[in-house]
PDB file of N, CA and C in Angstrom:
ATOM      1  N   PHE A   1      -0.237   5.945  -3.190  1.00  0.00           N
ATOM      2  CA  PHE A   1      -0.352   4.687  -3.894  1.00  0.00           C
ATOM      3  C   PHE A   1       0.465   4.741  -5.156  1.00  0.00           C
ATOM      4  N   MET A   2       0.676   3.583  -5.736  1.00  0.00           N
ATOM      5  CA  MET A   2       1.429   3.494  -6.975  1.00  0.00           C
ATOM      6  C   MET A   2       0.847   2.342  -7.785  1.00  0.00           C
ATOM      7  N   VAL A   3       0.465   2.621  -8.995  1.00  0.00           N
ATOM      8  CA  VAL A   3      -0.055   1.600  -9.898  1.00  0.00           C
ATOM      9  C   VAL A   3       1.063   1.265 -10.883  1.00  0.00           C
ATOM     10  N   PHE A   4       1.332  -0.005 -11.047  1.00  0.00           N
ATOM     11  CA  PHE A   4       2.370  -0.407 -12.001  1.00  0.00           C
ATOM     12  C   PHE A   4       1.914  -1.641 -12.750  1.00  0.00           C
ATOM     13  N   LYS A   5       2.394  -1.786 -13.980  1.00  0.00           N
ATOM     14  CA  LYS A   5       1.986  -2.905 -14.824  1.00  0.00           C
ATOM     15  C   LYS A   5       2.995  -4.048 -14.793  1.00  0.00           C
ATOM     16  N   ARG A   6       4.208  -3.730 -14.411  1.00  0.00           N
ATOM     17  CA  ARG A   6       5.251  -4.746 -14.441  1.00  0.00           C
ATOM     18  C   ARG A   6       5.223  -5.590 -13.165  1.00  0.00           C
ATOM     19  N   ARG A   7       6.081  -6.577 -13.145  1.00  0.00           N
ATOM     20  CA  ARG A   7       6.205  -7.475 -12.000  1.00  0.00           C
ATOM     21  C   ARG A   7       6.670  -6.712 -10.766  1.00  0.00           C
ATOM     22  N   PHE A   8       6.195  -7.107  -9.597  1.00  0.00           N
ATOM     23  CA  PHE A   8       6.588  -6.475  -8.341  1.00  0.00           C
ATOM     24  C   PHE A   8       7.974  -6.967  -7.963  1.00  0.00           C
ATOM     25  N   THR A   9       8.940  -6.069  -8.068  1.00  0.00           N
ATOM     26  CA  THR A   9      10.337  -6.407  -7.817  1.00  0.00           C
ATOM     27  C   THR A   9      10.906  -5.474  -6.752  1.00  0.00           C
ATOM     28  N   THR A  10      12.130  -5.760  -6.360  1.00  0.00           N
ATOM     29  CA  THR A  10      12.830  -4.889  -5.412  1.00  0.00           C
ATOM     30  C   THR A  10      12.906  -3.475  -5.972  1.00  0.00           C
ATOM     31  N   ARG A  11      13.202  -3.350  -7.252  1.00  0.00           N
ATOM     32  CA  ARG A  11      13.315  -2.026  -7.877  1.00  0.00           C
ATOM     33  C   ARG A  11      11.982  -1.271  -7.796  1.00  0.00           C
ATOM     34  N   VAL A  12      10.879  -1.954  -8.053  1.00  0.00           N
ATOM     35  CA  VAL A  12       9.558  -1.326  -7.985  1.00  0.00           C
ATOM     36  C   VAL A  12       9.263  -0.883  -6.551  1.00  0.00           C
ATOM     37  N   PHE A  13       9.549  -1.739  -5.581  1.00  0.00           N
ATOM     38  CA  PHE A  13       9.285  -1.388  -4.183  1.00  0.00           C
ATOM     39  C   PHE A  13      10.148  -0.205  -3.736  1.00  0.00           C
ATOM     40  N   LEU A  14      11.415  -0.201  -4.125  1.00  0.00           N
ATOM     41  CA  LEU A  14      12.282   0.925  -3.779  1.00  0.00           C
ATOM     42  C   LEU A  14      11.777   2.217  -4.424  1.00  0.00           C
ATOM     43  N   GLU A  15      11.304   2.130  -5.640  1.00  0.00           N
ATOM     44  CA  GLU A  15      10.723   3.304  -6.296  1.00  0.00           C
ATOM     45  C   GLU A  15       9.532   3.821  -5.494  1.00  0.00           C
ATOM     46  N   PHE A  16       8.683   2.893  -5.035  1.00  0.00           N
ATOM     47  CA  PHE A  16       7.542   3.275  -4.213  1.00  0.00           C
ATOM     48  C   PHE A  16       7.995   3.949  -2.910  1.00  0.00           C
ATOM     49  N   LEU A  17       8.965   3.340  -2.228  1.00  0.00           N
ATOM     50  CA  LEU A  17       9.445   3.891  -0.965  1.00  0.00           C
ATOM     51  C   LEU A  17      10.036   5.292  -1.152  1.00  0.00           C
ATOM     52  N   LYS A  18      10.798   5.469  -2.200  1.00  0.00           N
ATOM     53  CA  LYS A  18      11.408   6.775  -2.459  1.00  0.00           C
ATOM     54  C   LYS A  18      10.348   7.835  -2.743  1.00  0.00           C
ATOM     55  N   ARG A  19       9.347   7.470  -3.539  1.00  0.00           N
ATOM     56  CA  ARG A  19       8.249   8.409  -3.816  1.00  0.00           C
ATOM     57  C   ARG A  19       7.500   8.743  -2.533  1.00  0.00           C
ATOM     58  N   LEU A  20       7.234   7.720  -1.737  1.00  0.00           N
ATOM     59  CA  LEU A  20       6.519   7.917  -0.481  1.00  0.00           C
ATOM     60  C   LEU A  20       7.303   8.852   0.441  1.00  0.00           C
ATOM     61  N   GLU A  21       8.587   8.636   0.535  1.00  0.00           N
ATOM     62  CA  GLU A  21       9.398   9.483   1.408  1.00  0.00           C
ATOM     63  C   GLU A  21       9.448  10.926   0.892  1.00  0.00           C
ATOM     64  N   ARG A  22       9.568  11.116  -0.406  1.00  0.00           N
ATOM     65  CA  ARG A  22       9.590  12.476  -0.975  1.00  0.00           C
ATOM     66  C   ARG A  22       8.307  13.230  -0.673  1.00  0.00           C
ATOM     67  N   GLN A  23       7.178  12.519  -0.680  1.00  0.00           N
ATOM     68  CA  GLN A  23       5.876  13.158  -0.502  1.00  0.00           C
ATOM     69  C   GLN A  23       5.479  13.302   0.968  1.00  0.00           C
ATOM     70  N   ALA A  24       6.170  12.592   1.853  1.00  0.00           N
ATOM     71  CA  ALA A  24       5.801  12.595   3.276  1.00  0.00           C
ATOM     72  C   ALA A  24       6.232  13.892   3.936  1.00  0.00           C
ATOM     73  N   ARG A  25       5.360  14.392   4.774  1.00  0.00           N
ATOM     74  CA  ARG A  25       5.676  15.591   5.542  1.00  0.00           C
ATOM     75  C   ARG A  25       6.096  15.246   6.977  1.00  0.00           C
ATOM     76  N   ARG A  26       5.985  13.978   7.300  1.00  0.00           N
ATOM     77  CA  ARG A  26       6.349  13.500   8.635  1.00  0.00           C
ATOM     78  C   ARG A  26       6.738  12.029   8.501  1.00  0.00           C
ATOM     79  N   PRO A  27       7.245  11.421   9.557  1.00  0.00           N
ATOM     80  CA  PRO A  27       7.630  10.008   9.460  1.00  0.00           C
ATOM     81  C   PRO A  27       6.460   9.125   9.012  1.00  0.00           C
ATOM     82  N   VAL A  28       6.791   8.103   8.251  1.00  0.00           N
ATOM     83  CA  VAL A  28       5.805   7.156   7.735  1.00  0.00           C
ATOM     84  C   VAL A  28       6.067   5.804   8.380  1.00  0.00           C
ATOM     85  N   TYR A  29       5.002   5.197   8.889  1.00  0.00           N
ATOM     86  CA  TYR A  29       5.084   3.860   9.480  1.00  0.00           C
ATOM     87  C   TYR A  29       4.351   2.928   8.535  1.00  0.00           C
ATOM     88  N   LEU A  30       5.098   2.091   7.867  1.00  0.00           N
ATOM     89  CA  LEU A  30       4.568   1.239   6.801  1.00  0.00           C
ATOM     90  C   LEU A  30       4.502  -0.204   7.285  1.00  0.00           C
ATOM     91  N   ILE A  31       3.327  -0.796   7.157  1.00  0.00           N
ATOM     92  CA  ILE A  31       3.118  -2.193   7.553  1.00  0.00           C
ATOM     93  C   ILE A  31       3.126  -3.029   6.279  1.00  0.00           C
ATOM     94  N   VAL A  32       4.007  -4.023   6.236  1.00  0.00           N
ATOM     95  CA  VAL A  32       4.129  -4.854   5.039  1.00  0.00           C
ATOM     96  C   VAL A  32       4.009  -6.330   5.406  1.00  0.00           C
ATOM     97  N   ASP A  33       3.688  -7.114   4.400  1.00  0.00           N
ATOM     98  CA  ASP A  33       3.586  -8.556   4.608  1.00  0.00           C
ATOM     99  C   ASP A  33       4.947  -9.208   4.355  1.00  0.00           C
ATOM    100  N   GLY A  34       4.952 -10.503   4.246  1.00  0.00           N
ATOM    101  CA  GLY A  34       6.207 -11.244   4.133  1.00  0.00           C
ATOM    102  C   GLY A  34       6.708 -11.441   2.716  1.00  0.00           C
ATOM    103  N   HIS A  35       6.218 -10.672   1.762  1.00  0.00           N
ATOM    104  CA  HIS A  35       6.684 -10.807   0.383  1.00  0.00           C
ATOM    105  C   HIS A  35       8.213 -10.703   0.357  1.00  0.00           C
ATOM    106  N   PRO A  36       8.890 -11.558  -0.392  1.00  0.00           N
ATOM    107  CA  PRO A  36      10.359 -11.533  -0.423  1.00  0.00           C
ATOM    108  C   PRO A  36      10.950 -10.164  -0.783  1.00  0.00           C
ATOM    109  N   VAL A  37      10.275  -9.412  -1.613  1.00  0.00           N
ATOM    110  CA  VAL A  37      10.758  -8.079  -1.991  1.00  0.00           C
ATOM    111  C   VAL A  37      10.885  -7.180  -0.763  1.00  0.00           C
ATOM    112  N   HIS A  38       9.963  -7.306   0.175  1.00  0.00           N
ATOM    113  CA  HIS A  38      10.000  -6.464   1.376  1.00  0.00           C
ATOM    114  C   HIS A  38      11.233  -6.754   2.231  1.00  0.00           C
ATOM    115  N   HIS A  39      11.773  -7.960   2.106  1.00  0.00           N
ATOM    116  CA  HIS A  39      12.933  -8.367   2.900  1.00  0.00           C
ATOM    117  C   HIS A  39      14.243  -8.271   2.118  1.00  0.00           C
ATOM    118  N   ALA A  40      14.177  -7.837   0.886  1.00  0.00           N
ATOM    119  CA  ALA A  40      15.369  -7.812   0.025  1.00  0.00           C
ATOM    120  C   ALA A  40      16.489  -6.983   0.648  1.00  0.00           C
ATOM    121  N   ARG A  41      17.700  -7.420   0.434  1.00  0.00           N
ATOM    122  CA  ARG A  41      18.872  -6.742   0.998  1.00  0.00           C
ATOM    123  C   ARG A  41      18.923  -5.272   0.568  1.00  0.00           C
ATOM    124  N   ALA A  42      18.637  -4.988  -0.702  1.00  0.00           N
ATOM    125  CA  ALA A  42      18.685  -3.601  -1.187  1.00  0.00           C
ATOM    126  C   ALA A  42      17.659  -2.735  -0.462  1.00  0.00           C
ATOM    127  N   VAL A  43      16.501  -3.304  -0.181  1.00  0.00           N
ATOM    128  CA  VAL A  43      15.449  -2.560   0.545  1.00  0.00           C
ATOM    129  C   VAL A  43      15.910  -2.297   1.974  1.00  0.00           C
ATOM    130  N   GLN A  44      16.419  -3.318   2.632  1.00  0.00           N
ATOM    131  CA  GLN A  44      16.865  -3.158   4.016  1.00  0.00           C
ATOM    132  C   GLN A  44      18.018  -2.158   4.117  1.00  0.00           C
ATOM    133  N   THR A  45      18.927  -2.211   3.159  1.00  0.00           N
ATOM    134  CA  THR A  45      20.049  -1.265   3.139  1.00  0.00           C
ATOM    135  C   THR A  45      19.529   0.161   2.991  1.00  0.00           C
ATOM    136  N   TRP A  46      18.593   0.365   2.079  1.00  0.00           N
ATOM    137  CA  TRP A  46      18.028   1.699   1.859  1.00  0.00           C
ATOM    138  C   TRP A  46      17.315   2.192   3.120  1.00  0.00           C
ATOM    139  N   LEU A  47      16.522   1.316   3.738  1.00  0.00           N
ATOM    140  CA  LEU A  47      15.768   1.704   4.936  1.00  0.00           C
ATOM    141  C   LEU A  47      16.679   2.057   6.110  1.00  0.00           C
ATOM    142  N   GLN A  48      17.848   1.443   6.173  1.00  0.00           N
ATOM    143  CA  GLN A  48      18.744   1.660   7.312  1.00  0.00           C
ATOM    144  C   GLN A  48      19.645   2.889   7.160  1.00  0.00           C
ATOM    145  N   GLN A  49      19.547   3.565   6.034  1.00  0.00           N
ATOM    146  CA  GLN A  49      20.359   4.772   5.853  1.00  0.00           C
ATOM    147  C   GLN A  49      19.903   5.845   6.842  1.00  0.00           C
ATOM    148  N   PRO A  50      20.850   6.590   7.394  1.00  0.00           N
ATOM    149  CA  PRO A  50      20.501   7.637   8.367  1.00  0.00           C
ATOM    150  C   PRO A  50      19.530   8.670   7.779  1.00  0.00           C
ATOM    151  N   GLY A  51      18.593   9.090   8.619  1.00  0.00           N
ATOM    152  CA  GLY A  51      17.655  10.138   8.212  1.00  0.00           C
ATOM    153  C   GLY A  51      16.420   9.662   7.467  1.00  0.00           C
ATOM    154  N   ARG A  52      16.278   8.371   7.285  1.00  0.00           N
ATOM    155  CA  ARG A  52      15.098   7.863   6.585  1.00  0.00           C
ATOM    156  C   ARG A  52      13.846   8.201   7.375  1.00  0.00           C
ATOM    157  N   GLN A  53      12.802   8.583   6.674  1.00  0.00           N
ATOM    158  CA  GLN A  53      11.526   8.930   7.289  1.00  0.00           C
ATOM    159  C   GLN A  53      10.535   7.767   7.231  1.00  0.00           C
ATOM    160  N   ILE A  54      10.952   6.641   6.673  1.00  0.00           N
ATOM    161  CA  ILE A  54      10.066   5.485   6.546  1.00  0.00           C
ATOM    162  C   ILE A  54      10.523   4.399   7.504  1.00  0.00           C
ATOM    163  N   HIS A  55       9.572   3.917   8.284  1.00  0.00           N
ATOM    164  CA  HIS A  55       9.838   2.854   9.258  1.00  0.00           C
ATOM    165  C   HIS A  55       8.919   1.689   8.899  1.00  0.00           C
ATOM    166  N   VAL A  56       9.511   0.538   8.636  1.00  0.00           N
ATOM    167  CA  VAL A  56       8.752  -0.620   8.160  1.00  0.00           C
ATOM    168  C   VAL A  56       8.551  -1.621   9.295  1.00  0.00           C
ATOM    169  N   PHE A  57       7.317  -2.120   9.365  1.00  0.00           N
ATOM    170  CA  PHE A  57       6.958  -3.151  10.343  1.00  0.00           C
ATOM    171  C   PHE A  57       6.418  -4.344   9.564  1.00  0.00           C
ATOM    172  N   PHE A  58       6.882  -5.526   9.915  1.00  0.00           N
ATOM    173  CA  PHE A  58       6.505  -6.736   9.207  1.00  0.00           C
ATOM    174  C   PHE A  58       5.388  -7.480   9.932  1.00  0.00           C
ATOM    175  N   LEU A  59       4.402  -7.894   9.162  1.00  0.00           N
ATOM    176  CA  LEU A  59       3.330  -8.732   9.705  1.00  0.00           C
ATOM    177  C   LEU A  59       3.847 -10.146   9.891  1.00  0.00           C
ATOM    178  N   PRO A  60       3.253 -10.895  10.808  1.00  0.00           N
ATOM    179  CA  PRO A  60       3.606 -12.318  10.917  1.00  0.00           C
ATOM    180  C   PRO A  60       3.234 -13.032   9.609  1.00  0.00           C
ATOM    181  N   GLY A  61       3.918 -14.108   9.339  1.00  0.00           N
ATOM    182  CA  GLY A  61       3.648 -14.876   8.126  1.00  0.00           C
ATOM    183  C   GLY A  61       2.216 -15.375   8.062  1.00  0.00           C
ATOM    184  N   TYR A  62       1.683 -15.417   6.856  1.00  0.00           N
ATOM    185  CA  TYR A  62       0.356 -15.981   6.581  1.00  0.00           C
ATOM    186  C   TYR A  62      -0.739 -15.392   7.469  1.00  0.00           C
ATOM    187  N   SER A  63      -0.802 -14.080   7.515  1.00  0.00           N
ATOM    188  CA  SER A  63      -1.829 -13.431   8.335  1.00  0.00           C
ATOM    189  C   SER A  63      -2.486 -12.269   7.579  1.00  0.00           C
ATOM    190  N   PRO A  64      -3.135 -12.575   6.455  1.00  0.00           N
ATOM    191  CA  PRO A  64      -3.751 -11.497   5.672  1.00  0.00           C
ATOM    192  C   PRO A  64      -4.819 -10.729   6.441  1.00  0.00           C
ATOM    193  N   GLU A  65      -5.418 -11.356   7.434  1.00  0.00           N
ATOM    194  CA  GLU A  65      -6.463 -10.667   8.208  1.00  0.00           C
ATOM    195  C   GLU A  65      -5.885  -9.503   9.015  1.00  0.00           C
ATOM    196  N   LEU A  66      -4.570  -9.488   9.238  1.00  0.00           N
ATOM    197  CA  LEU A  66      -3.921  -8.404   9.969  1.00  0.00           C
ATOM    198  C   LEU A  66      -3.430  -7.290   9.050  1.00  0.00           C
ATOM    199  N   ASN A  67      -3.572  -7.485   7.746  1.00  0.00           N
ATOM    200  CA  ASN A  67      -3.026  -6.547   6.776  1.00  0.00           C
ATOM    201  C   ASN A  67      -4.073  -5.515   6.357  1.00  0.00           C
ATOM    202  N   PRO A  68      -3.912  -4.253   6.763  1.00  0.00           N
ATOM    203  CA  PRO A  68      -4.884  -3.218   6.378  1.00  0.00           C
ATOM    204  C   PRO A  68      -5.037  -3.072   4.868  1.00  0.00           C
ATOM    205  N   ASP A  69      -3.991  -3.403   4.115  1.00  0.00           N
ATOM    206  CA  ASP A  69      -4.082  -3.346   2.647  1.00  0.00           C
ATOM    207  C   ASP A  69      -5.208  -4.221   2.109  1.00  0.00           C
ATOM    208  N   GLU A  70      -5.461  -5.320   2.778  1.00  0.00           N
ATOM    209  CA  GLU A  70      -6.500  -6.240   2.301  1.00  0.00           C
ATOM    210  C   GLU A  70      -7.877  -5.572   2.313  1.00  0.00           C
ATOM    211  N   LEU A  71      -8.102  -4.674   3.251  1.00  0.00           N
ATOM    212  CA  LEU A  71      -9.387  -3.965   3.305  1.00  0.00           C
ATOM    213  C   LEU A  71      -9.519  -2.993   2.141  1.00  0.00           C
ATOM    214  N   LEU A  72      -8.432  -2.316   1.821  1.00  0.00           N
ATOM    215  CA  LEU A  72      -8.454  -1.433   0.652  1.00  0.00           C
ATOM    216  C   LEU A  72      -8.585  -2.259  -0.625  1.00  0.00           C
ATOM    217  N   ASN A  73      -7.891  -3.381  -0.698  1.00  0.00           N
ATOM    218  CA  ASN A  73      -8.010  -4.254  -1.875  1.00  0.00           C
ATOM    219  C   ASN A  73      -9.456  -4.688  -2.076  1.00  0.00           C
ATOM    220  N   HIS A  74     -10.117  -5.049  -1.001  1.00  0.00           N
ATOM    221  CA  HIS A  74     -11.522  -5.455  -1.087  1.00  0.00           C
ATOM    222  C   HIS A  74     -12.389  -4.292  -1.581  1.00  0.00           C
ATOM    223  N   ASP A  75     -12.136  -3.118  -1.056  1.00  0.00           N
ATOM    224  CA  ASP A  75     -12.861  -1.919  -1.471  1.00  0.00           C
ATOM    225  C   ASP A  75     -12.665  -1.661  -2.968  1.00  0.00           C
ATOM    226  N   VAL A  76     -11.429  -1.738  -3.407  1.00  0.00           N
ATOM    227  CA  VAL A  76     -11.121  -1.502  -4.825  1.00  0.00           C
ATOM    228  C   VAL A  76     -11.804  -2.550  -5.699  1.00  0.00           C
ATOM    229  N   LYS A  77     -11.675  -3.813  -5.331  1.00  0.00           N
ATOM    230  CA  LYS A  77     -12.265  -4.882  -6.142  1.00  0.00           C
ATOM    231  C   LYS A  77     -13.783  -4.771  -6.211  1.00  0.00           C
ATOM    232  N   SER A  78     -14.409  -4.429  -5.113  1.00  0.00           N
ATOM    233  CA  SER A  78     -15.872  -4.320  -5.141  1.00  0.00           C
ATOM    234  C   SER A  78     -16.304  -3.129  -5.988  1.00  0.00           C
ATOM    235  N   HIS A  79     -15.547  -2.049  -5.950  1.00  0.00           N
ATOM    236  CA  HIS A  79     -15.890  -0.886  -6.775  1.00  0.00           C
ATOM    237  C   HIS A  79     -15.625  -1.172  -8.254  1.00  0.00           C
ATOM    238  N   LEU A  80     -14.448  -1.704  -8.564  1.00  0.00           N
ATOM    239  CA  LEU A  80     -14.103  -1.943  -9.959  1.00  0.00           C
ATOM    240  C   LEU A  80     -14.945  -3.054 -10.572  1.00  0.00           C
ATOM    241  N   GLY A  81     -15.408  -3.968  -9.739  1.00  0.00           N
ATOM    242  CA  GLY A  81     -16.227  -5.061 -10.234  1.00  0.00           C
ATOM    243  C   GLY A  81     -17.570  -4.600 -10.776  1.00  0.00           C
ATOM    244  N   ARG A  82     -18.008  -3.430 -10.358  1.00  0.00           N
ATOM    245  CA  ARG A  82     -19.298  -2.898 -10.832  1.00  0.00           C
ATOM    246  C   ARG A  82     -19.208  -2.333 -12.239  1.00  0.00           C
ATOM    247  N   ARG A  83     -18.006  -1.934 -12.635  1.00  0.00           N
ATOM    248  CA  ARG A  83     -17.819  -1.322 -13.950  1.00  0.00           C
ATOM    249  C   ARG A  83     -16.738  -2.078 -14.693  1.00  0.00           C
ATOM    250  N   ARG A  84     -17.117  -3.042 -15.455  1.00  0.00           N
ATOM    251  CA  ARG A  84     -16.142  -3.867 -16.156  1.00  0.00           C
ATOM    252  C   ARG A  84     -15.432  -3.064 -17.240  1.00  0.00           C
ATOM    253  N   PRO A  85     -14.118  -2.979 -17.165  1.00  0.00           N
ATOM    254  CA  PRO A  85     -13.372  -2.265 -18.196  1.00  0.00           C
ATOM    255  C   PRO A  85     -13.256  -3.114 -19.466  1.00  0.00           C
ATOM    256  N   HIS A  86     -13.120  -2.452 -20.571  1.00  0.00           N
ATOM    257  CA  HIS A  86     -12.975  -3.151 -21.845  1.00  0.00           C
ATOM    258  C   HIS A  86     -11.530  -3.220 -22.308  1.00  0.00           C
ATOM    259  N   THR A  87     -10.680  -2.399 -21.700  1.00  0.00           N
ATOM    260  CA  THR A  87      -9.260  -2.387 -22.043  1.00  0.00           C
ATOM    261  C   THR A  87      -8.436  -2.256 -20.771  1.00  0.00           C
ATOM    262  N   GLN A  88      -7.160  -2.571 -20.906  1.00  0.00           N
ATOM    263  CA  GLN A  88      -6.256  -2.400 -19.770  1.00  0.00           C
ATOM    264  C   GLN A  88      -6.166  -0.930 -19.393  1.00  0.00           C
ATOM    265  N   ARG A  89      -6.150  -0.088 -20.374  1.00  0.00           N
ATOM    266  CA  ARG A  89      -6.086   1.361 -20.130  1.00  0.00           C
ATOM    267  C   ARG A  89      -7.287   1.833 -19.302  1.00  0.00           C
ATOM    268  N   GLU A  90      -8.462   1.321 -19.643  1.00  0.00           N
ATOM    269  CA  GLU A  90      -9.675   1.682 -18.902  1.00  0.00           C
ATOM    270  C   GLU A  90      -9.614   1.138 -17.469  1.00  0.00           C
ATOM    271  N   LEU A  91      -9.100  -0.063 -17.315  1.00  0.00           N
ATOM    272  CA  LEU A  91      -8.941  -0.648 -15.981  1.00  0.00           C
ATOM    273  C   LEU A  91      -8.033   0.230 -15.113  1.00  0.00           C
ATOM    274  N   ILE A  92      -6.899   0.625 -15.657  1.00  0.00           N
ATOM    275  CA  ILE A  92      -5.961   1.456 -14.900  1.00  0.00           C
ATOM    276  C   ILE A  92      -6.568   2.817 -14.598  1.00  0.00           C
ATOM    277  N   HIS A  93      -7.280   3.382 -15.551  1.00  0.00           N
ATOM    278  CA  HIS A  93      -7.954   4.668 -15.319  1.00  0.00           C
ATOM    279  C   HIS A  93      -8.963   4.539 -14.175  1.00  0.00           C
ATOM    280  N   ASN A  94      -9.791   3.492 -14.207  1.00  0.00           N
ATOM    281  CA  ASN A  94     -10.795   3.282 -13.159  1.00  0.00           C
ATOM    282  C   ASN A  94     -10.126   3.068 -11.792  1.00  0.00           C
ATOM    283  N   LEU A  95      -9.048   2.313 -11.790  1.00  0.00           N
ATOM    284  CA  LEU A  95      -8.321   2.051 -10.544  1.00  0.00           C
ATOM    285  C   LEU A  95      -7.764   3.350  -9.968  1.00  0.00           C
ATOM    286  N   ARG A  96      -7.068   4.110 -10.796  1.00  0.00           N
ATOM    287  CA  ARG A  96      -6.490   5.379 -10.312  1.00  0.00           C
ATOM    288  C   ARG A  96      -7.581   6.341  -9.849  1.00  0.00           C
ATOM    289  N   SER A  97      -8.674   6.404 -10.595  1.00  0.00           N
ATOM    290  CA  SER A  97      -9.779   7.297 -10.210  1.00  0.00           C
ATOM    291  C   SER A  97     -10.313   6.935  -8.838  1.00  0.00           C
ATOM    292  N   HIS A  98     -10.497   5.638  -8.611  1.00  0.00           N
ATOM    293  CA  HIS A  98     -11.022   5.189  -7.320  1.00  0.00           C
ATOM    294  C   HIS A  98     -10.038   5.500  -6.191  1.00  0.00           C
ATOM    295  N   LEU A  99      -8.758   5.238  -6.417  1.00  0.00           N
ATOM    296  CA  LEU A  99      -7.765   5.504  -5.378  1.00  0.00           C
ATOM    297  C   LEU A  99      -7.621   7.001  -5.106  1.00  0.00           C
ATOM    298  N   HIS A 100      -7.705   7.822  -6.135  1.00  0.00           N
ATOM    299  CA  HIS A 100      -7.683   9.277  -5.917  1.00  0.00           C
ATOM    300  C   HIS A 100      -8.907   9.716  -5.114  1.00  0.00           C
ATOM    301  N   ARG A 101     -10.043   9.106  -5.402  1.00  0.00           N
ATOM    302  CA  ARG A 101     -11.262   9.424  -4.649  1.00  0.00           C
ATOM    303  C   ARG A 101     -11.055   9.075  -3.176  1.00  0.00           C
ATOM    304  N   ARG A 102     -10.467   7.924  -2.920  1.00  0.00           N
ATOM    305  CA  ARG A 102     -10.225   7.518  -1.527  1.00  0.00           C
ATOM    306  C   ARG A 102      -9.233   8.462  -0.842  1.00  0.00           C
ATOM    307  N   GLN A 103      -8.294   9.005  -1.581  1.00  0.00           N
ATOM    308  CA  GLN A 103      -7.364   9.974  -0.984  1.00  0.00           C
ATOM    309  C   GLN A 103      -8.108  11.215  -0.505  1.00  0.00           C
ATOM    310  N   ARG A 104      -9.179  11.553  -1.188  1.00  0.00           N
ATOM    311  CA  ARG A 104      -9.967  12.728  -0.792  1.00  0.00           C
ATOM    312  C   ARG A 104     -11.027  12.377   0.248  1.00  0.00           C
ATOM    313  N   GLN A 105     -11.082  11.116   0.649  1.00  0.00           N
ATOM    314  CA  GLN A 105     -12.052  10.641   1.636  1.00  0.00           C
ATOM    315  C   GLN A 105     -11.329   9.950   2.792  1.00  0.00           C
ATOM    316  N   PRO A 106     -10.525  10.696   3.541  1.00  0.00           N
ATOM    317  CA  PRO A 106      -9.758  10.048   4.616  1.00  0.00           C
ATOM    318  C   PRO A 106     -10.640   9.357   5.643  1.00  0.00           C
ATOM    319  N   HIS A 107     -11.868   9.824   5.819  1.00  0.00           N
ATOM    320  CA  HIS A 107     -12.763   9.179   6.784  1.00  0.00           C
ATOM    321  C   HIS A 107     -13.076   7.740   6.367  1.00  0.00           C
ATOM    322  N   VAL A 108     -13.165   7.483   5.073  1.00  0.00           N
ATOM    323  CA  VAL A 108     -13.422   6.122   4.594  1.00  0.00           C
ATOM    324  C   VAL A 108     -12.219   5.238   4.907  1.00  0.00           C
ATOM    325  N   VAL A 109     -11.033   5.738   4.616  1.00  0.00           N
ATOM    326  CA  VAL A 109      -9.818   4.967   4.881  1.00  0.00           C
ATOM    327  C   VAL A 109      -9.656   4.751   6.391  1.00  0.00           C
ATOM    328  N   GLN A 110      -9.935   5.770   7.184  1.00  0.00           N
ATOM    329  CA  GLN A 110      -9.839   5.621   8.639  1.00  0.00           C
ATOM    330  C   GLN A 110     -10.791   4.540   9.151  1.00  0.00           C
ATOM    331  N   ASN A 111     -11.939   4.405   8.522  1.00  0.00           N
ATOM    332  CA  ASN A 111     -12.891   3.368   8.926  1.00  0.00           C
ATOM    333  C   ASN A 111     -12.348   1.959   8.707  1.00  0.00           C
ATOM    334  N   PHE A 112     -11.466   1.797   7.711  1.00  0.00           N
ATOM    335  CA  PHE A 112     -10.855   0.480   7.513  1.00  0.00           C
ATOM    336  C   PHE A 112     -10.132   0.049   8.787  1.00  0.00           C
ATOM    337  N   PHE A 113      -9.553   1.013   9.480  1.00  0.00           N
ATOM    338  CA  PHE A 113      -8.750   0.717  10.664  1.00  0.00           C
ATOM    339  C   PHE A 113      -9.592   0.493  11.916  1.00  0.00           C
ATOM    340  N   GLN A 114     -10.895   0.528  11.761  1.00  0.00           N
ATOM    341  CA  GLN A 114     -11.782   0.198  12.878  1.00  0.00           C
ATOM    342  C   GLN A 114     -12.130  -1.288  12.886  1.00  0.00           C
ATOM    343  N   GLU A 115     -11.763  -1.989  11.816  1.00  0.00           N
ATOM    344  CA  GLU A 115     -11.990  -3.433  11.766  1.00  0.00           C
ATOM    345  C   GLU A 115     -11.190  -4.108  12.878  1.00  0.00           C
ATOM    346  N   GLU A 116     -11.791  -5.115  13.467  1.00  0.00           N
ATOM    347  CA  GLU A 116     -11.224  -5.757  14.655  1.00  0.00           C
ATOM    348  C   GLU A 116      -9.747  -6.143  14.521  1.00  0.00           C
ATOM    349  N   HIS A 117      -9.387  -6.795  13.418  1.00  0.00           N
ATOM    350  CA  HIS A 117      -8.037  -7.352  13.312  1.00  0.00           C
ATOM    351  C   HIS A 117      -6.973  -6.337  12.913  1.00  0.00           C
ATOM    352  N   VAL A 118      -7.384  -5.142  12.500  1.00  0.00           N
ATOM    353  CA  VAL A 118      -6.378  -4.151  12.079  1.00  0.00           C
ATOM    354  C   VAL A 118      -6.373  -2.897  12.952  1.00  0.00           C
ATOM    355  N   ARG A 119      -7.130  -2.920  14.024  1.00  0.00           N
ATOM    356  CA  ARG A 119      -7.149  -1.752  14.930  1.00  0.00           C
ATOM    357  C   ARG A 119      -5.770  -1.408  15.462  1.00  0.00           C
ATOM    358  N   TYR A 120      -4.934  -2.418  15.608  1.00  0.00           N
ATOM    359  CA  TYR A 120      -3.575  -2.192  16.118  1.00  0.00           C
ATOM    360  C   TYR A 120      -2.844  -1.146  15.274  1.00  0.00           C
ATOM    361  N   ALA A 121      -3.143  -1.069  13.986  1.00  0.00           N
ATOM    362  CA  ALA A 121      -2.427  -0.166  13.078  1.00  0.00           C
ATOM    363  C   ALA A 121      -2.874   1.284  13.229  1.00  0.00           C
ATOM    364  N   ALA A 122      -3.987   1.510  13.883  1.00  0.00           N
ATOM    365  CA  ALA A 122      -4.499   2.873  14.065  1.00  0.00           C
ATOM    366  C   ALA A 122      -3.889   3.542  15.292  1.00  0.00           C
ATOM    367  N   ALA A 123      -3.249   2.770  16.127  1.00  0.00           N
ATOM    368  CA  ALA A 123      -2.702   3.312  17.383  1.00  0.00           C
ATOM    369  C   ALA A 123      -1.522   4.231  17.149  1.00  0.00           C
TER     370      ALA A 123
END
């Protein structure tokens, strides 16, 4: 995961992809929505370079129910909603703590993929 405070741009997404590829030990299959950044020419050019370990699949337009990210977003919001932060710094700390916890709980994340509309992503 990557937490950022600035606007989601092509540069931010490319930074995420590069970090993801550096940390991956095997090919990564990434499911993304129709955000314009995901379709940006610079992103597509980077993805098409030989030897890339990241393979991107696009969801159909306007189909958040098919997006596994939405299940994690719901999990994060329900957890963070219980502990109201008083500062932006505290919010980011709580967010990172929760996401790190989920990284150590792969069974919880795997359960997200048992939901009816996102089972396709577990195959």
